[in-house]
Amino acid sequence: MPEECIYYCYDSGYTCLLKRRKTGYSSIDSDTVHRYCWNYQYDDCPMYRKRDEYWDSWSGCGSDSSGDCFLTSACVEAKGLPDDCRELTVLRRFRDAYMRNTEQGQADILDYYAIAPDIVNRIRREEDPLAVFERIYRELVLPCVALIDEGQNEEAYEKYKEYTLMLKSAYSG
């Protein structure tokens, strides 16, 4: 298969992240996938041509879409990874198995869902939002996943908290 469009995602069906941004519904037919998604035919793709309309209309941090989650946006948007990539799977498992088991962790999860949409929206208004999401991937996602893989959960949690506070300070209103 040729290289895929960065907005293409296979999650038990053909999906387009750009279409999800606009309508909340992301299913696309196999003809569209073969014609555009697998061949980088951006100029002809009906979703990509309208990408500016879609860019500001995401929502859904409580779901596992990248909508308003800076961790997911870093993986899906900046790196072109699927929503079920290893990094996000590790981080979600960490959230559910480690963070949810402490009172402070539960509070931090709720705080994340409260502040992440504002942070993501402000990042998207930056001159180069993908560069910001790339930096989050490099400086937060990868180090936390490595720490979790090494069984250093407390260190991963502290790294997450420190970086989230920095983003909150830089991007929250």
Protein backbone atom coordinates (compact mmCIF):
# COMPACT_ATOMS: atom_id res chain seq x y z
CA MET A 1 0.00 0.00 0.00
CA PRO A 2 1.31 3.49 -0.77
CA GLU A 3 1.96 6.04 1.96
CA GLU A 4 -1.24 7.14 3.66
CA CYS A 5 -2.73 10.57 4.14
CA ILE A 6 -1.98 11.89 7.62
CA TYR A 7 -5.73 12.28 8.21
CA TYR A 8 -6.58 8.70 7.26
CA CYS A 9 -7.26 6.27 10.10
CA TYR A 10 -8.36 2.65 10.10
CA ASP A 11 -10.29 1.98 13.28
CA SER A 12 -12.48 -1.01 12.35
CA GLY A 13 -13.54 0.93 9.27
CA TYR A 14 -12.21 3.56 6.91
CA THR A 15 -12.20 6.93 8.64
CA CYS A 16 -11.13 10.45 7.86
CA LEU A 17 -10.06 12.63 10.77
CA LEU A 18 -10.87 15.77 8.78
CA LYS A 19 -14.41 14.56 8.17
CA ARG A 20 -14.76 13.74 11.87
CA ARG A 21 -13.77 17.31 12.73
CA LYS A 22 -16.57 18.74 10.65
CA THR A 23 -19.44 16.34 11.15
CA GLY A 24 -18.57 14.09 14.06
CA TYR A 25 -18.98 11.22 11.62
CA SER A 26 -15.79 9.97 10.04
CA SER A 27 -16.70 6.98 7.87
CA ILE A 28 -15.52 7.15 4.27
CA ASP A 29 -16.07 4.69 1.45
CA SER A 30 -13.34 2.45 0.03
CA ASP A 31 -13.33 4.33 -3.28
CA THR A 32 -12.37 7.54 -1.46
CA VAL A 33 -9.72 5.69 0.53
CA HIS A 34 -8.14 4.23 -2.60
CA ARG A 35 -8.41 7.41 -4.61
CA TYR A 36 -7.23 9.96 -2.04
CA CYS A 37 -6.15 8.61 1.35
CA TRP A 38 -3.61 6.06 0.17
CA ASN A 39 -2.10 8.22 -2.54
CA TYR A 40 -1.71 11.70 -1.00
CA GLN A 41 -4.03 13.26 -3.55
CA TYR A 42 -4.61 16.25 -1.29
CA ASP A 43 -5.48 18.75 -3.99
CA ASP A 44 -8.29 16.51 -5.25
CA CYS A 45 -9.52 15.22 -1.90
CA PRO A 46 -12.89 16.76 -0.98
CA MET A 47 -12.03 16.68 2.74
CA TYR A 48 -8.54 18.15 2.45
CA ARG A 49 -9.60 20.96 0.11
CA LYS A 50 -11.92 22.11 2.88
CA ARG A 51 -9.48 21.54 5.73
CA ASP A 52 -9.60 25.15 6.93
CA GLU A 53 -13.34 24.80 7.53
CA TYR A 54 -12.72 21.68 9.60
CA TRP A 55 -9.75 22.87 11.62
CA ASP A 56 -11.70 24.85 14.22
CA SER A 57 -14.60 22.47 14.74
CA TRP A 58 -13.23 19.61 16.86
CA SER A 59 -14.68 18.43 20.13
CA GLY A 60 -14.62 15.34 22.25
CA CYS A 61 -11.79 14.95 24.74
CA GLY A 62 -13.92 12.53 26.69
CA SER A 63 -13.94 10.26 23.66
CA ASP A 64 -10.71 8.97 22.27
CA SER A 65 -10.66 11.28 19.28
CA SER A 66 -7.94 13.87 19.12
CA GLY A 67 -10.54 16.63 19.27
CA ASP A 68 -9.63 18.49 22.40
CA CYS A 69 -6.89 16.29 23.84
CA PHE A 70 -3.37 17.59 23.44
CA LEU A 71 -1.87 14.13 24.00
CA THR A 72 -3.98 12.61 21.24
CA SER A 73 -3.48 15.64 19.00
CA ALA A 74 0.28 15.24 19.40
CA CYS A 75 0.12 11.65 18.16
CA VAL A 76 -2.67 11.82 15.59
CA GLU A 77 -2.19 15.27 14.10
CA ALA A 78 1.54 15.89 14.42
CA LYS A 79 2.80 12.36 13.88
CA GLY A 80 -0.01 10.97 11.72
CA LEU A 81 -0.45 7.99 14.02
CA PRO A 82 -3.76 6.17 14.38
CA ASP A 83 -5.91 6.84 17.42
CA ASP A 84 -5.08 3.36 18.69
CA CYS A 85 -1.31 3.71 18.26
CA ARG A 86 0.99 2.16 20.83
CA GLU A 87 1.75 5.50 22.49
CA LEU A 88 -1.91 6.35 23.10
CA THR A 89 -2.72 2.80 24.16
CA VAL A 90 0.06 2.93 26.77
CA LEU A 91 -1.04 6.37 28.00
CA ARG A 92 -4.71 5.38 28.21
CA ARG A 93 -3.85 2.20 30.08
CA PHE A 94 -1.69 4.30 32.43
CA ARG A 95 -4.58 6.72 32.98
CA ASP A 96 -7.05 3.92 33.67
CA ALA A 97 -4.84 1.54 35.66
CA TYR A 98 -2.57 3.95 37.52
CA MET A 99 -4.02 7.45 37.72
CA ARG A 100 -7.63 6.44 38.36
CA ASN A 101 -6.51 4.44 41.41
CA THR A 102 -5.55 7.51 43.44
CA GLU A 103 -7.61 10.44 44.56
CA GLN A 104 -5.07 12.91 43.16
CA GLY A 105 -4.89 10.99 39.89
CA GLN A 106 -8.67 11.12 39.52
CA ALA A 107 -8.58 14.86 40.17
CA ASP A 108 -5.81 15.30 37.58
CA ILE A 109 -7.82 13.38 35.00
CA LEU A 110 -10.83 15.64 35.58
CA ASP A 111 -8.55 18.69 35.41
CA TYR A 112 -7.12 17.47 32.10
CA TYR A 113 -10.59 17.15 30.59
CA ALA A 114 -11.42 20.63 31.86
CA ILE A 115 -8.28 22.42 30.59
CA ALA A 116 -7.29 20.42 27.52
CA PRO A 117 -9.93 21.84 25.15
CA ASP A 118 -8.80 25.42 25.82
CA ILE A 119 -5.14 24.46 25.46
CA VAL A 120 -5.77 22.64 22.17
CA ASN A 121 -7.85 25.50 20.76
CA ARG A 122 -5.15 28.02 21.64
CA ILE A 123 -2.42 25.83 20.15
CA ARG A 124 -4.45 25.55 16.94
CA ARG A 125 -4.38 29.37 16.69
CA GLU A 126 -0.58 29.38 16.74
CA GLU A 127 1.27 30.10 13.51
CA ASP A 128 2.45 26.47 13.33
CA PRO A 129 0.22 24.32 15.55
CA LEU A 130 1.64 21.07 14.22
CA ALA A 131 5.09 22.11 15.42
CA VAL A 132 3.66 22.64 18.91
CA PHE A 133 1.95 19.24 18.86
CA GLU A 134 5.20 17.70 17.56
CA ARG A 135 7.04 19.23 20.53
CA ILE A 136 4.43 17.83 22.93
CA TYR A 137 4.92 14.42 21.33
CA ARG A 138 8.70 14.64 21.65
CA GLU A 139 8.86 16.25 25.11
CA LEU A 140 5.88 14.63 26.85
CA VAL A 141 4.43 11.63 25.05
CA LEU A 142 7.66 9.79 24.24
CA PRO A 143 9.33 10.34 27.64
CA CYS A 144 6.18 9.31 29.54
CA VAL A 145 5.74 6.17 27.45
CA ALA A 146 9.41 5.27 28.00
CA LEU A 147 9.04 5.77 31.76
CA ILE A 148 5.87 3.69 31.86
CA ASP A 149 7.57 0.94 29.84
CA GLU A 150 10.37 0.92 32.43
CA GLY A 151 7.85 0.62 35.26
CA GLN A 152 8.59 4.13 36.51
CA ASN A 153 4.96 5.11 36.90
CA GLU A 154 5.48 7.78 39.55
CA GLU A 155 8.14 9.47 37.40
CA ALA A 156 5.83 9.32 34.36
CA TYR A 157 3.02 10.82 36.45
CA GLU A 158 5.26 13.64 37.69
CA LYS A 159 6.50 14.35 34.14
CA TYR A 160 2.89 14.48 32.93
CA LYS A 161 1.83 16.82 35.76
CA GLU A 162 4.80 19.15 35.30
CA TYR A 163 4.35 19.40 31.53
CA THR A 164 0.58 19.84 31.81
CA LEU A 165 1.06 22.70 34.26
CA MET A 166 3.51 24.32 31.84
CA LEU A 167 1.00 24.01 28.98
CA LYS A 168 -1.77 25.33 31.23
CA SER A 169 0.35 28.35 32.09
CA ALA A 170 1.31 28.98 28.47
CA TYR A 171 -2.06 28.36 26.78
CA SER A 172 -4.95 28.66 29.22
CA GLY A 173 -6.96 31.81 29.65
